[in-house]
Amino acid sequence: MSVLELGKAISVSDATICRWENGISDIKSDQLIALSAFFGVSCDFLVGLDD
């Protein structure tokens, strides 16, 4: 999946995802929730608090 496809799926730009990946900006809570719903995992899992 490309960052463009993921961005469209969770309603953010591909540039926003690139900034997250490069540590330039932090993800907002609503975006984290959208990511967790999209991938079917918990927010804790995405931030490394849960296995």
N, C-alpha and C. Protein backbone atom coordinates (compact mmCIF):
# COMPACT_ATOMS: atom_id res chain seq x y z
N MET A 1 0.85 -1.17 0.00
CA MET A 1 0.00 0.00 0.00
C MET A 1 0.90 1.24 0.00
N SER A 2 0.55 2.17 -0.82
CA SER A 2 1.33 3.41 -0.88
C SER A 2 0.83 4.40 0.18
N VAL A 3 1.65 5.40 0.44
CA VAL A 3 1.22 6.43 1.39
C VAL A 3 0.03 7.20 0.82
N LEU A 4 -0.03 7.33 -0.48
CA LEU A 4 -1.16 8.00 -1.10
C LEU A 4 -2.46 7.23 -0.86
N GLU A 5 -2.42 5.90 -1.03
CA GLU A 5 -3.60 5.06 -0.78
C GLU A 5 -4.01 5.10 0.68
N LEU A 6 -3.03 5.00 1.57
CA LEU A 6 -3.34 5.05 3.01
C LEU A 6 -3.91 6.40 3.38
N GLY A 7 -3.31 7.45 2.88
CA GLY A 7 -3.82 8.79 3.16
C GLY A 7 -5.26 8.97 2.75
N LYS A 8 -5.59 8.47 1.56
CA LYS A 8 -6.98 8.56 1.10
C LYS A 8 -7.90 7.76 2.01
N ALA A 9 -7.44 6.60 2.47
CA ALA A 9 -8.28 5.74 3.31
C ALA A 9 -8.57 6.36 4.67
N ILE A 10 -7.64 7.16 5.20
CA ILE A 10 -7.87 7.75 6.53
C ILE A 10 -8.02 9.27 6.48
N SER A 11 -8.17 9.80 5.28
CA SER A 11 -8.45 11.24 5.07
C SER A 11 -7.34 12.17 5.54
N VAL A 12 -6.10 11.82 5.22
CA VAL A 12 -4.97 12.73 5.42
C VAL A 12 -4.14 12.72 4.14
N SER A 13 -3.28 13.70 4.00
CA SER A 13 -2.46 13.76 2.80
C SER A 13 -1.28 12.78 2.90
N ASP A 14 -0.75 12.42 1.74
CA ASP A 14 0.44 11.56 1.74
C ASP A 14 1.62 12.29 2.38
N ALA A 15 1.66 13.61 2.25
CA ALA A 15 2.73 14.39 2.87
C ALA A 15 2.66 14.29 4.40
N THR A 16 1.45 14.26 4.94
CA THR A 16 1.27 14.12 6.39
C THR A 16 1.84 12.78 6.86
N ILE A 17 1.55 11.73 6.14
CA ILE A 17 2.07 10.41 6.51
C ILE A 17 3.59 10.40 6.43
N CYS A 18 4.16 11.03 5.41
CA CYS A 18 5.62 11.11 5.30
C CYS A 18 6.22 11.87 6.48
N ARG A 19 5.54 12.93 6.93
CA ARG A 19 6.04 13.68 8.09
C ARG A 19 5.99 12.83 9.35
N TRP A 20 4.96 11.99 9.50
CA TRP A 20 4.91 11.06 10.64
C TRP A 20 6.08 10.09 10.57
N GLU A 21 6.28 9.51 9.40
CA GLU A 21 7.33 8.50 9.22
C GLU A 21 8.72 9.07 9.50
N ASN A 22 8.92 10.33 9.17
CA ASN A 22 10.24 10.95 9.34
C ASN A 22 10.39 11.68 10.67
N GLY A 23 9.37 11.59 11.53
CA GLY A 23 9.45 12.21 12.85
C GLY A 23 9.37 13.72 12.83
N ILE A 24 8.87 14.28 11.74
CA ILE A 24 8.78 15.73 11.61
C ILE A 24 7.56 16.26 12.35
N SER A 25 6.49 15.49 12.35
CA SER A 25 5.29 15.90 13.08
C SER A 25 4.69 14.70 13.79
N ASP A 26 3.92 15.01 14.81
CA ASP A 26 3.26 13.97 15.61
C ASP A 26 1.86 13.73 15.06
N ILE A 27 1.40 12.53 15.27
CA ILE A 27 0.07 12.17 14.82
C ILE A 27 -0.97 12.66 15.84
N LYS A 28 -2.04 13.21 15.35
CA LYS A 28 -3.12 13.68 16.22
C LYS A 28 -3.96 12.47 16.66
N SER A 29 -4.64 12.61 17.77
CA SER A 29 -5.38 11.48 18.34
C SER A 29 -6.46 10.97 17.39
N ASP A 30 -7.16 11.85 16.69
CA ASP A 30 -8.19 11.38 15.76
C ASP A 30 -7.59 10.63 14.58
N GLN A 31 -6.39 11.01 14.17
CA GLN A 31 -5.70 10.31 13.09
C GLN A 31 -5.21 8.94 13.56
N LEU A 32 -4.76 8.87 14.80
CA LEU A 32 -4.33 7.60 15.38
C LEU A 32 -5.51 6.63 15.46
N ILE A 33 -6.65 7.14 15.86
CA ILE A 33 -7.86 6.32 15.93
C ILE A 33 -8.24 5.82 14.53
N ALA A 34 -8.14 6.70 13.53
CA ALA A 34 -8.45 6.29 12.16
C ALA A 34 -7.49 5.20 11.68
N LEU A 35 -6.22 5.34 12.00
CA LEU A 35 -5.23 4.31 11.63
C LEU A 35 -5.53 2.98 12.31
N SER A 36 -5.85 3.04 13.59
CA SER A 36 -6.11 1.79 14.32
C SER A 36 -7.36 1.10 13.77
N ALA A 37 -8.37 1.87 13.42
CA ALA A 37 -9.58 1.29 12.84
C ALA A 37 -9.27 0.69 11.47
N PHE A 38 -8.50 1.39 10.68
CA PHE A 38 -8.16 0.92 9.34
C PHE A 38 -7.41 -0.41 9.39
N PHE A 39 -6.42 -0.50 10.29
CA PHE A 39 -5.61 -1.71 10.37
C PHE A 39 -6.19 -2.77 11.30
N GLY A 40 -7.25 -2.43 12.04
CA GLY A 40 -7.89 -3.40 12.92
C GLY A 40 -7.05 -3.76 14.13
N VAL A 41 -6.33 -2.78 14.65
CA VAL A 41 -5.51 -2.98 15.85
C VAL A 41 -5.81 -1.85 16.83
N SER A 42 -5.35 -2.00 18.06
CA SER A 42 -5.58 -0.97 19.06
C SER A 42 -4.60 0.19 18.89
N CYS A 43 -4.96 1.33 19.43
CA CYS A 43 -4.04 2.47 19.45
C CYS A 43 -2.80 2.12 20.26
N ASP A 44 -2.99 1.38 21.34
CA ASP A 44 -1.85 0.94 22.16
C ASP A 44 -0.86 0.14 21.33
N PHE A 45 -1.35 -0.73 20.47
CA PHE A 45 -0.48 -1.50 19.60
C PHE A 45 0.31 -0.60 18.68
N LEU A 46 -0.35 0.39 18.10
CA LEU A 46 0.32 1.27 17.15
C LEU A 46 1.43 2.10 17.80
N VAL A 47 1.26 2.44 19.07
CA VAL A 47 2.28 3.23 19.75
C VAL A 47 3.27 2.38 20.55
N GLY A 48 3.15 1.07 20.43
CA GLY A 48 4.11 0.17 21.06
C GLY A 48 3.88 -0.17 22.51
N LEU A 49 2.66 0.05 23.01
CA LEU A 49 2.36 -0.26 24.41
C LEU A 49 1.78 -1.64 24.61
N ASP A 50 1.43 -2.30 23.51
CA ASP A 50 0.78 -3.60 23.56
C ASP A 50 1.35 -4.46 22.46
N ASP A 51 1.41 -5.77 22.71
CA ASP A 51 1.94 -6.69 21.69
C ASP A 51 0.89 -7.13 20.73
